[in-house]
Protein backbone atom coordinates (compact mmCIF):
# COMPACT_ATOMS: atom_id res chain seq x y z
CA UNK A 1 71.50 114.27 52.09
CA UNK A 2 69.21 112.36 54.68
CA UNK A 3 66.79 115.29 55.23
CA UNK A 4 67.17 115.62 51.21
CA UNK A 5 65.98 111.87 50.59
CA UNK A 6 63.28 112.02 53.11
CA UNK A 7 61.87 115.35 51.60
CA UNK A 8 61.73 113.29 48.22
CA UNK A 9 60.35 110.38 49.79
CA UNK A 10 57.58 112.51 51.21
CA UNK A 11 56.59 114.25 47.86
CA UNK A 12 56.64 110.98 46.30
CA UNK A 13 54.01 109.69 49.00
CA UNK A 14 52.25 113.19 48.47
CA UNK A 15 52.09 112.24 44.80
CA UNK A 16 50.76 108.95 45.38
CA UNK A 17 47.90 109.83 47.87
CA UNK A 18 46.94 112.74 45.21
CA UNK A 19 47.01 110.01 42.32
CA UNK A 20 44.97 107.74 44.20
CA UNK A 21 42.17 110.41 45.19
CA UNK A 22 42.15 111.46 41.46
CA UNK A 23 41.83 107.77 40.54
CA UNK A 24 39.28 107.16 42.91
CA UNK A 25 37.03 110.76 42.15
CA UNK A 26 33.97 110.16 43.64
CA UNK A 27 31.20 109.16 40.68
CA UNK A 28 27.65 109.31 40.99
CA UNK A 29 25.71 107.14 38.47
CA UNK A 30 22.08 106.94 37.64
CA UNK A 31 20.87 103.45 36.35
CA UNK A 32 16.69 103.15 34.81
CA UNK A 33 15.01 99.51 34.17
CA UNK A 34 11.69 98.10 34.68
CA UNK A 35 10.31 97.03 38.07
CA UNK A 36 9.79 94.09 36.98
CA UNK A 37 14.08 93.47 37.20
CA UNK A 38 14.27 95.53 40.42
CA UNK A 39 15.40 92.61 42.54
CA UNK A 40 18.57 91.61 40.65
CA UNK A 41 19.24 95.17 39.68
CA UNK A 42 19.24 96.30 43.03
CA UNK A 43 21.45 93.15 44.22
CA UNK A 44 24.04 93.77 41.21
CA UNK A 45 24.53 97.21 41.83
CA UNK A 46 24.93 96.65 45.91
CA UNK A 47 27.72 94.41 45.22
CA UNK A 48 29.28 96.99 42.47
CA UNK A 49 29.14 99.82 45.03
CA UNK A 50 30.55 97.26 47.66
CA UNK A 51 33.32 96.92 45.24
CA UNK A 52 33.96 100.30 44.09
CA UNK A 53 33.34 102.56 47.11
CA UNK A 54 34.08 105.69 45.17
CA UNK A 55 30.83 105.41 43.25
CA UNK A 56 27.30 105.35 44.00
CA UNK A 57 24.73 104.28 41.89
CA UNK A 58 20.79 105.38 41.78
CA UNK A 59 18.40 103.80 40.53
CA UNK A 60 14.60 104.48 39.52
CA UNK A 61 12.27 101.43 38.62
CA UNK A 62 8.79 101.65 36.58
CA UNK A 63 6.19 99.63 35.05
CA UNK A 64 7.28 99.00 31.38
CA UNK A 65 4.77 100.82 30.08
CA UNK A 66 5.44 103.81 32.25
CA UNK A 67 9.46 103.15 31.57
CA UNK A 68 8.98 103.35 27.66
CA UNK A 69 7.09 106.80 27.66
CA UNK A 70 9.17 108.26 30.56
CA UNK A 71 12.58 107.35 29.00
CA UNK A 72 12.05 107.66 25.32
CA UNK A 73 11.30 111.64 26.74
CA UNK A 74 14.20 111.97 29.01
CA UNK A 75 16.60 110.84 26.18
CA UNK A 76 14.81 113.19 23.85
CA UNK A 77 15.68 115.87 26.34
CA UNK A 78 19.22 115.06 27.33
CA UNK A 79 18.03 114.00 30.80
CA UNK A 80 18.53 110.28 30.77
CA UNK A 81 20.21 108.05 33.44
CA UNK A 82 23.33 107.20 32.65
CA UNK A 83 22.72 103.33 32.19
CA UNK A 84 19.51 102.42 30.63
CA UNK A 85 17.47 99.31 30.21
CA UNK A 86 17.07 98.68 26.47
CA UNK A 87 14.99 96.14 24.29
CA UNK A 88 16.83 94.07 21.77
CA UNK A 89 15.64 94.46 18.28
CA UNK A 90 14.96 96.64 15.31
CA UNK A 91 12.12 99.15 15.84
CA UNK A 92 8.99 96.88 17.25
CA UNK A 93 9.74 98.48 20.65
CA UNK A 94 9.89 102.46 21.52
CA UNK A 95 13.01 101.89 23.74
CA UNK A 96 14.48 98.95 21.22
CA UNK A 97 18.14 99.34 20.66
CA UNK A 98 17.86 99.99 16.34
CA UNK A 99 15.54 103.07 17.26
CA UNK A 100 17.80 104.15 20.31
CA UNK A 101 21.19 104.15 18.15
CA UNK A 102 19.97 104.94 14.89
CA UNK A 103 18.76 108.57 16.98
CA UNK A 104 22.32 108.39 18.43
CA UNK A 105 20.84 108.16 21.49
CA UNK A 106 23.24 105.38 22.98
CA UNK A 107 26.97 105.22 23.11
CA UNK A 108 28.88 102.70 20.88
CA UNK A 109 30.24 99.58 23.03
CA UNK A 110 31.44 97.75 19.92
CA UNK A 111 35.08 97.67 21.65
CA UNK A 112 34.10 96.40 25.33
CA UNK A 113 35.55 92.87 26.21
CA UNK A 114 32.33 91.30 26.50
CA UNK A 115 31.53 91.72 22.73
CA UNK A 116 33.05 89.04 21.51
CA UNK A 117 31.32 86.26 23.54
CA UNK A 118 27.78 87.16 22.25
CA UNK A 119 26.47 84.28 20.37
CA UNK A 120 26.20 84.69 16.52
CA UNK A 121 22.10 84.20 17.06
CA UNK A 122 22.34 86.94 19.53
CA UNK A 123 24.39 89.50 17.91
CA UNK A 124 21.81 90.96 15.24
CA UNK A 125 19.55 91.66 18.09
CA UNK A 126 21.92 93.87 20.08
CA UNK A 127 23.42 95.76 17.34
CA UNK A 128 22.80 98.55 14.72
CA UNK A 129 24.20 99.12 11.58
CA UNK A 130 27.32 96.61 12.52
CA UNK A 131 27.98 98.29 15.88
CA UNK A 132 27.23 96.80 19.44
CA UNK A 133 25.52 99.03 21.47
CA UNK A 134 23.46 97.00 24.77
CA UNK A 135 24.61 94.06 26.49
CA UNK A 136 22.53 91.45 26.71
CA UNK A 137 21.62 89.69 29.95
CA UNK A 138 18.63 86.92 29.44
CA UNK A 139 16.58 85.21 27.17
CA UNK A 140 12.84 86.41 27.39
CA UNK A 141 10.75 83.32 27.10
CA UNK A 142 6.83 83.14 26.96
CA UNK A 143 5.38 79.90 28.47
CA UNK A 144 2.45 77.97 30.12
CA UNK A 145 2.78 78.34 34.10
CA UNK A 146 1.19 75.85 35.95
CA UNK A 147 0.29 74.52 39.37
CA UNK A 148 1.33 70.94 39.58
CA UNK A 149 -0.93 70.46 42.63
CA UNK A 150 -3.89 71.88 41.32
CA UNK A 151 -3.72 69.87 38.13
CA UNK A 152 -3.04 66.46 40.21
CA UNK A 153 -5.99 67.23 42.67
CA UNK A 154 -8.55 67.56 39.41
CA UNK A 155 -7.01 64.43 37.68
CA UNK A 156 -5.60 66.48 34.93
CA UNK A 157 -2.20 66.19 33.45
CA UNK A 158 0.29 68.76 32.11
CA UNK A 159 -1.15 70.05 28.80
CA UNK A 160 0.35 69.17 26.08
CA UNK A 161 -2.06 69.55 23.12
CA UNK A 162 -4.67 72.65 22.43
CA UNK A 163 -7.34 69.99 23.04
CA UNK A 164 -5.73 69.12 26.38
CA UNK A 165 -5.79 72.90 27.41
CA UNK A 166 -9.24 73.36 26.43
CA UNK A 167 -9.88 69.96 28.48
CA UNK A 168 -8.36 71.39 31.58
CA UNK A 169 -10.21 74.48 31.16
CA UNK A 170 -13.52 73.19 31.31
CA UNK A 171 -13.23 70.61 34.05
CA UNK A 172 -11.27 73.70 36.78
CA UNK A 173 -13.69 76.13 35.75
CA UNK A 174 -16.35 73.50 36.59
CA UNK A 175 -14.49 73.70 40.03
CA UNK A 176 -14.68 77.07 40.67
CA UNK A 177 -10.95 77.76 39.78
CA UNK A 178 -9.83 79.85 37.08
CA UNK A 179 -7.81 77.85 34.24
CA UNK A 180 -5.87 80.85 33.17
CA UNK A 181 -4.93 83.99 35.01
CA UNK A 182 -5.09 86.54 32.77
CA UNK A 183 -4.07 90.43 32.92
CA UNK A 184 -4.96 92.33 30.01
CA UNK A 185 -5.39 95.52 31.88
CA UNK A 186 -1.84 95.58 31.13
CA UNK A 187 -0.72 96.17 27.87
CA UNK A 188 2.62 94.13 27.50
CA UNK A 189 0.54 91.04 29.26
CA UNK A 190 -2.22 91.21 26.49
CA UNK A 191 0.39 90.05 23.68
CA UNK A 192 1.82 87.28 25.11
CA UNK A 193 -0.60 84.32 24.36
CA UNK A 194 -0.57 85.65 20.61
CA UNK A 195 2.79 85.71 20.78
CA UNK A 196 3.39 81.88 22.27
CA UNK A 197 0.73 80.53 19.47
CA UNK A 198 2.10 82.42 16.82
CA UNK A 199 5.68 81.29 17.13
CA UNK A 200 4.13 77.72 15.93
CA UNK A 201 1.77 79.37 13.67
CA UNK A 202 4.04 81.67 11.96
CA UNK A 203 7.38 81.88 12.32
CA UNK A 204 8.17 77.99 12.81
CA UNK A 205 7.67 78.05 9.08
CA UNK A 206 8.17 81.47 7.94
CA UNK A 207 10.97 83.18 10.19
CA UNK A 208 11.29 85.85 7.50
CA UNK A 209 7.50 87.18 8.44
CA UNK A 210 9.11 90.21 10.10
CA UNK A 211 11.46 90.99 7.37
CA UNK A 212 9.15 90.19 4.57
CA UNK A 213 6.62 92.87 6.57
CA UNK A 214 8.77 95.76 7.09
CA UNK A 215 9.63 95.04 3.03
CA UNK A 216 5.82 94.84 2.23
CA UNK A 217 5.93 91.62 0.86
CA UNK A 218 4.12 90.15 3.79
CA UNK A 219 0.64 91.57 5.37
CA UNK A 220 -0.76 90.65 9.22
CA UNK A 221 -4.36 90.45 7.08
CA UNK A 222 -2.91 87.78 4.42
CA UNK A 223 -1.23 85.16 7.51
CA UNK A 224 -3.37 82.64 8.47
CA UNK A 225 -1.16 81.99 11.53
CA UNK A 226 -2.03 85.32 12.67
CA UNK A 227 -5.59 85.25 12.02
CA UNK A 228 -5.61 81.69 14.02
CA UNK A 229 -3.67 82.80 17.01
CA UNK A 230 -6.19 85.59 17.17
CA UNK A 231 -9.15 83.62 17.07
CA UNK A 232 -7.71 81.01 19.70
CA UNK A 233 -7.30 83.89 22.18
CA UNK A 234 -10.89 84.45 21.73
CA UNK A 235 -12.04 80.96 21.96
CA UNK A 236 -10.35 80.61 25.15
CA UNK A 237 -12.00 83.86 26.43
CA UNK A 238 -15.30 82.33 25.27
CA UNK A 239 -14.92 78.70 26.87
CA UNK A 240 -14.51 80.02 30.40
CA UNK A 241 -10.63 79.58 30.18
CA UNK A 242 -10.19 83.09 32.04
CA UNK A 243 -10.70 85.18 34.73
CA UNK A 244 -13.89 87.31 34.76
CA UNK A 245 -12.86 90.81 33.18
CA UNK A 246 -9.31 90.10 31.87
CA UNK A 247 -9.64 93.49 30.75
CA UNK A 248 -9.96 94.76 34.16
CA UNK A 249 -7.45 92.43 35.96
CA UNK A 250 -3.94 93.91 36.66
CA UNK A 251 -0.61 91.97 36.52
CA UNK A 252 -0.37 92.18 40.39
CA UNK A 253 -3.80 90.06 40.58
CA UNK A 254 -2.71 87.17 38.59
CA UNK A 255 0.50 86.77 40.59
CA UNK A 256 -2.03 87.06 43.58
CA UNK A 257 -4.21 84.26 42.26
CA UNK A 258 -1.77 81.64 41.20
CA UNK A 259 0.10 82.01 44.51
CA UNK A 260 -2.95 81.53 46.64
CA UNK A 261 -4.31 78.56 44.21
CA UNK A 262 -7.22 80.34 42.81
CA UNK A 263 -5.50 80.01 39.11
CA UNK A 264 -4.26 76.99 37.89
CA UNK A 265 -2.23 78.22 34.85
CA UNK A 266 -0.89 81.46 33.53
CA UNK A 267 1.06 82.19 30.45
CA UNK A 268 3.78 84.56 31.22
CA UNK A 269 7.31 85.11 31.28
CA UNK A 270 10.44 83.62 33.79
CA UNK A 271 10.12 86.59 36.24
CA UNK A 272 6.32 85.62 37.46
CA UNK A 273 8.11 82.48 38.70
CA UNK A 274 10.05 84.22 41.37
CA UNK A 275 6.62 87.15 41.72
CA UNK A 276 4.62 83.95 42.78
CA UNK A 277 6.54 82.25 44.96
CA UNK A 278 7.78 85.50 47.16
CA UNK A 279 3.71 86.08 47.64
CA UNK A 280 3.85 82.58 48.89
CA UNK A 281 3.31 79.85 46.19
CA UNK A 282 5.54 76.97 47.13
CA UNK A 283 8.39 76.52 44.51
CA UNK A 284 7.90 72.86 44.34
CA UNK A 285 4.09 72.92 42.62
CA UNK A 286 4.78 75.34 39.75
CA UNK A 287 6.10 74.01 36.18
CA UNK A 288 6.55 75.70 33.17
CA UNK A 289 6.32 74.03 29.39
CA UNK A 290 5.60 75.81 25.67
CA UNK A 291 2.18 76.94 24.84
CA UNK A 292 0.19 73.71 23.63
CA UNK A 293 -0.59 74.80 20.38
CA UNK A 294 -1.11 71.53 17.93
CA UNK A 295 -2.91 68.17 18.30
CA UNK A 296 -1.07 66.09 16.07
CA UNK A 297 1.78 65.40 18.09
CA UNK A 298 4.03 68.32 16.68
CA UNK A 299 6.39 69.98 19.10
CA UNK A 300 5.41 73.74 19.74
CA UNK A 301 7.85 76.61 19.02
CA UNK A 302 8.51 79.03 21.41
CA UNK A 303 9.27 82.61 21.80
CA UNK A 304 12.25 83.62 22.92
CA UNK A 305 14.43 86.88 22.81
CA UNK A 306 16.63 88.80 24.31
CA UNK A 307 14.68 90.46 26.88
CA UNK A 308 17.11 92.35 29.77
CA UNK A 309 19.65 94.49 28.19
CA UNK A 310 21.83 97.60 29.43
CA UNK A 311 23.39 100.44 27.19
CA UNK A 312 24.79 103.47 28.18
CA UNK A 313 23.39 107.04 27.16
CA UNK A 314 25.42 108.79 24.49
CA UNK A 315 24.55 111.88 26.21
CA UNK A 316 26.10 110.56 29.93
CA UNK A 317 29.02 112.68 31.63
CA UNK A 318 30.35 109.30 33.12
CA UNK A 319 31.00 107.55 30.33
CA UNK A 320 34.10 105.40 31.69
CA UNK A 321 32.25 104.49 34.93
CA UNK A 322 28.98 103.46 33.15
CA UNK A 323 30.80 100.95 30.82
CA UNK A 324 32.91 99.66 33.77
CA UNK A 325 29.55 98.62 35.40
CA UNK A 326 28.14 96.92 32.14
CA UNK A 327 31.81 95.04 31.98
CA UNK A 328 31.01 94.24 35.80
CA UNK A 329 27.52 92.71 35.03
CA UNK A 330 28.74 90.62 31.92
CA UNK A 331 30.98 88.90 34.25
CA UNK A 332 29.92 85.11 35.19
CA UNK A 333 29.45 85.04 38.44
CA UNK A 334 27.69 88.66 38.49
CA UNK A 335 25.36 87.27 35.96
CA UNK A 336 24.68 84.23 37.96
CA UNK A 337 23.62 87.07 41.04
CA UNK A 338 20.96 88.96 38.24
CA UNK A 339 19.91 85.54 36.57
CA UNK A 340 18.92 83.61 39.20
CA UNK A 341 18.62 80.60 37.27
CA UNK A 342 16.76 82.02 34.22
CA UNK A 343 18.11 81.99 30.79
CA UNK A 344 21.19 83.29 29.55
CA UNK A 345 21.62 85.57 26.52
CA UNK A 346 25.41 84.59 26.58
CA UNK A 347 25.92 80.99 27.58
CA UNK A 348 28.97 80.43 30.39
CA UNK A 349 29.67 76.97 31.75
CA UNK A 350 29.33 78.89 35.06
CA UNK A 351 25.85 80.04 34.62
CA UNK A 352 23.14 76.99 35.63
CA UNK A 353 19.55 77.09 34.57
CA UNK A 354 16.86 76.27 36.91
CA UNK A 355 15.04 73.38 36.45
CA UNK A 356 11.92 75.02 35.73
CA UNK A 357 13.05 75.87 32.64
CA UNK A 358 14.74 72.99 31.50
CA UNK A 359 11.95 72.66 28.64
CA UNK A 360 12.08 76.12 27.54
CA UNK A 361 15.76 76.00 27.30
CA UNK A 362 15.60 72.70 25.35
CA UNK A 363 12.95 74.24 22.67
CA UNK A 364 15.83 76.78 22.37
CA UNK A 365 18.54 74.43 22.21
CA UNK A 366 16.43 72.60 19.48
CA UNK A 367 15.88 75.45 17.14
CA UNK A 368 12.56 75.96 17.83
CA UNK A 369 12.28 79.18 19.15
CA UNK A 370 11.23 82.82 17.47
CA UNK A 371 11.74 86.42 18.39
CA UNK A 372 8.40 87.13 17.56
CA UNK A 373 7.53 90.74 16.72
CA UNK A 374 10.70 91.95 17.70
CA UNK A 375 11.60 93.21 14.10
CA UNK A 376 8.16 94.55 13.50
CA UNK A 377 8.23 98.05 11.18
CA UNK A 378 8.03 100.75 13.95
CA UNK A 379 6.69 100.93 17.61
CA UNK A 380 3.09 101.91 16.71
CA UNK A 381 2.37 98.39 15.42
CA UNK A 382 2.86 96.85 19.00
CA UNK A 383 1.14 99.41 20.15
CA UNK A 384 -1.90 98.83 18.02
CA UNK A 385 -1.90 95.28 18.31
CA UNK A 386 -1.48 95.53 22.06
CA UNK A 387 -4.84 97.89 22.15
CA UNK A 388 -6.39 96.30 19.72
CA UNK A 389 -6.37 93.08 21.74
CA UNK A 390 -8.03 94.68 24.65
CA UNK A 391 -10.64 95.78 22.19
CA UNK A 392 -11.33 92.62 21.07
CA UNK A 393 -12.36 91.35 24.36
CA UNK A 394 -14.69 94.38 24.92
CA UNK A 395 -16.22 93.75 21.42
CA UNK A 396 -15.32 97.22 20.40
CA UNK A 397 -13.28 96.14 17.09
CA UNK A 398 -13.41 92.73 14.97
CA UNK A 399 -10.05 90.43 14.58
CA UNK A 400 -10.58 91.78 10.59
CA UNK A 401 -10.46 95.22 11.17
CA UNK A 402 -7.45 94.87 13.81
CA UNK A 403 -5.21 92.80 10.82
CA UNK A 404 -6.08 95.77 8.80
CA UNK A 405 -5.47 98.31 10.88
CA UNK A 406 -1.64 96.57 12.22
CA UNK A 407 -1.17 96.44 8.01
CA UNK A 408 -1.61 100.37 7.87
CA UNK A 409 0.30 101.15 10.58
CA UNK A 410 3.14 98.69 9.45
CA UNK A 411 3.50 100.84 6.14
CA UNK A 412 3.74 103.97 8.05
CA UNK A 413 7.60 105.27 8.65
């Protein structure tokens, strides 16, 4: 009897070991993201693998423009990574959740536990047809970064009006310092300044502009706000606010310019701060405010939309593990690692925002923000806009020509 009992116990132990081995079956996931988010993604992936030693995650990173082209090709071919960096919004971006979900390229995550925590104001940006396909990590904002020490050394305050900005440009350029570092060689950078302006000149008074544009009830050419934004952009260039040859200047160039004190300001997104300080800029010298647009005391609106978001490829053979990683990412303690003080898309009491972004966060809380261009009718509009800005700067296209072309492309389906 004793022998039979020992055999039974042994058999149960074997079943337990085998069951555990099956549950802990080794899995390899592939994850792709933009190079701007390489540092936080790498940190979160390392922590996930530490807690889940049976899962290996291989990562690839690419610049934004390259990422959008390569991932769309992989998705179409059924060879995309399991976990993808995806942009929020409808059709304005080739890697937007709207376009990918419409083409059945993303897994439906509507039943995931984190869905209920997504704020109402964010929900439409991560859904398609009422279903949720991506988890939103942080808010992308566009603002004016400035070197506090350089401004003080030249008797300048932080620009709060358009005239303040022009005056700062004049004084700094006379002193041999680039007032605004601008990298128009990089497509996604070209649009930042006009986005920062049109938040105030278009969307503050016409928040449904993109919807009306898609319905054919609004046009770029008929928008005084869009025309004004492009005119101001070129005015900044004429007045010597930018470095020489913006169209030949890379993103890495402007990071170095700010880090070494050769430039006083730059219109950029939050990730710029970490890159500038990593290259030697003192964090205490760096500030960020909404881009100054008005001269009458009106507080500016800002561009703000969901940026870092992750979805699961519909073709992934490791759906359970991929979904588990996103559930892991959605935990506040892990989000803190990813965000590094940036503005979360899903607020939580345990998440703190760096004081550097306090004015941007205040604008969001006060309702002075808009997701400029996120809901444009199709991704060709954004591409034409960015390349058209390069052409404005090299003189091969006029504002009227660009606006007319945008309207033509916006009508395409």
